[in-house]
Amino acid sequence: MPLSEHEQKLLEQLEKQLHEDDPKFANSMGSDPGRSWSTRHVVIGVLGALAGVFLLLVGVTLQNIFVGVLGFVVMGGGVYFATMRSSRGKAGSKAGGGKPGKQRSSFMSSLEERWDERRRGEP
């Protein structure tokens, strides 16, 4: 069941507030819109991992430890590069420093008002 427009707006406001209050936690949760998967990173990383597997197999067939270890390192680097996320718009998230405080307080006050209305409506 999809969210209504009102619920989507509330969710977006809560996400913004989380990013403003605790950016480290928000980044660890991975919902930061400024960081996204890069197709270029994934493609290059997968190609690097495949090249590493090929080098590893060549090292095993030639019984050359150096080539096998090099293949393993290249494979690991490819996987790491494929799973990296590119950061976009980092400067934009830091630019609006003054306004979010006012928005947050008005947002919180509107939530408090709603809560009070609900409490008054119940017998």
Protein backbone atom coordinates (compact mmCIF):
# COMPACT_ATOMS: atom_id res chain seq x y z
CA MET A 1 0.00 0.00 0.00
CA PRO A 2 1.68 3.24 -1.13
CA LEU A 3 2.05 6.23 1.15
CA SER A 4 -0.16 9.26 0.67
CA GLU A 5 1.37 12.59 -0.34
CA HIS A 6 1.03 13.88 3.21
CA GLU A 7 2.80 10.83 4.62
CA GLN A 8 5.57 11.14 2.03
CA LYS A 9 6.12 14.79 2.96
CA LEU A 10 6.26 13.89 6.65
CA LEU A 11 8.75 11.13 5.93
CA GLU A 12 10.96 13.50 3.91
CA GLN A 13 10.87 16.06 6.72
CA LEU A 14 11.83 13.40 9.26
CA GLU A 15 14.73 12.27 7.07
CA LYS A 16 15.95 15.87 6.71
CA GLN A 17 15.72 16.35 10.46
CA LEU A 18 17.68 13.15 11.07
CA HIS A 19 20.42 14.29 8.69
CA GLU A 20 20.61 17.66 10.45
CA ASP A 21 20.57 16.28 13.99
CA ASP A 22 22.87 13.28 13.58
CA PRO A 23 24.57 13.18 10.15
CA LYS A 24 26.99 10.42 11.18
CA PHE A 25 24.14 8.07 12.10
CA ALA A 26 22.16 9.03 9.00
CA ASN A 27 25.15 8.25 6.78
CA SER A 28 25.66 4.91 8.48
CA MET A 29 22.04 4.02 7.72
CA GLY A 30 22.68 4.67 4.04
CA SER A 31 19.63 6.78 3.27
CA ASP A 32 21.62 9.89 2.45
CA PRO A 33 20.36 11.30 -0.87
CA GLY A 34 23.77 12.93 -1.41
CA ARG A 35 25.43 9.53 -1.71
CA SER A 36 24.38 7.12 -4.39
CA TRP A 37 25.56 4.10 -6.31
CA SER A 38 27.65 4.97 -9.33
CA THR A 39 27.20 2.74 -12.37
CA ARG A 40 30.72 3.57 -13.47
CA HIS A 41 32.16 2.38 -10.15
CA VAL A 42 30.18 -0.85 -10.29
CA VAL A 43 31.21 -1.65 -13.87
CA ILE A 44 34.89 -0.85 -13.31
CA GLY A 45 34.88 -2.76 -10.01
CA VAL A 46 33.31 -5.86 -11.56
CA LEU A 47 35.80 -5.76 -14.44
CA GLY A 48 38.63 -5.41 -11.92
CA ALA A 49 37.31 -8.33 -9.88
CA LEU A 50 37.07 -10.49 -13.01
CA ALA A 51 40.62 -9.54 -13.98
CA GLY A 52 41.72 -10.49 -10.46
CA VAL A 53 40.02 -13.88 -10.71
CA PHE A 54 41.71 -14.42 -14.08
CA LEU A 55 45.12 -13.52 -12.62
CA LEU A 56 44.48 -15.79 -9.65
CA LEU A 57 43.67 -18.70 -11.95
CA VAL A 58 46.73 -17.98 -14.10
CA GLY A 59 48.88 -17.91 -10.97
CA VAL A 60 47.50 -21.28 -9.85
CA THR A 61 48.01 -22.90 -13.26
CA LEU A 62 51.54 -21.56 -13.58
CA GLN A 63 52.19 -22.39 -9.91
CA ASN A 64 53.45 -18.85 -9.42
CA ILE A 65 52.60 -17.52 -5.96
CA PHE A 66 53.35 -13.89 -6.86
CA VAL A 67 50.83 -13.86 -9.75
CA GLY A 68 48.22 -15.59 -7.57
CA VAL A 69 48.61 -13.09 -4.73
CA LEU A 70 48.55 -10.21 -7.21
CA GLY A 71 45.32 -11.61 -8.67
CA PHE A 72 43.79 -11.86 -5.21
CA VAL A 73 44.72 -8.25 -4.41
CA VAL A 74 43.34 -7.02 -7.75
CA MET A 75 40.13 -8.99 -7.13
CA GLY A 76 39.72 -7.49 -3.66
CA GLY A 77 40.38 -3.99 -4.99
CA GLY A 78 37.77 -4.49 -7.69
CA VAL A 79 35.14 -5.58 -5.19
CA TYR A 80 35.98 -2.64 -2.93
CA PHE A 81 35.79 -0.19 -5.84
CA ALA A 82 32.45 -1.67 -6.99
CA THR A 83 30.89 -1.24 -3.55
CA MET A 84 32.08 2.35 -3.04
CA ARG A 85 29.41 5.03 -3.18
CA SER A 86 30.01 8.31 -4.93
CA SER A 87 29.23 11.49 -3.04
CA ARG A 88 27.23 14.15 -4.83
CA GLY A 89 26.05 17.48 -3.53
CA LYS A 90 28.04 17.52 -0.30
CA ALA A 91 28.43 21.32 -0.51
CA GLY A 92 24.69 21.72 -1.07
CA SER A 93 23.82 19.95 2.16
CA LYS A 94 26.06 22.27 4.18
CA ALA A 95 24.91 25.48 2.44
CA GLY A 96 21.51 25.91 4.11
CA GLY A 97 22.67 26.19 7.70
CA GLY A 98 20.35 28.91 9.04
CA LYS A 99 16.91 27.94 7.80
CA PRO A 100 16.70 24.28 8.91
CA GLY A 101 16.57 25.28 12.58
CA LYS A 102 13.43 27.34 11.99
CA GLN A 103 11.85 24.63 9.87
CA ARG A 104 12.60 22.03 12.49
CA SER A 105 11.05 24.05 15.30
CA SER A 106 7.92 24.80 13.27
CA PHE A 107 7.75 21.15 12.24
CA MET A 108 8.04 20.01 15.83
CA SER A 109 5.49 22.55 17.01
CA SER A 110 3.02 21.39 14.35
CA LEU A 111 3.52 17.79 15.49
CA GLU A 112 2.95 18.84 19.09
CA GLU A 113 -0.23 20.66 18.10
CA ARG A 114 -1.51 17.58 16.29
CA TRP A 115 -0.73 15.43 19.29
CA ASP A 116 -2.61 17.80 21.59
CA GLU A 117 -5.61 17.82 19.22
CA ARG A 118 -5.70 14.03 19.19
CA ARG A 119 -5.48 13.88 22.99
CA ARG A 120 -8.35 16.41 23.34
CA GLY A 121 -10.51 14.46 20.87
CA GLU A 122 -10.32 11.23 22.87
CA PRO A 123 -12.78 10.68 25.79
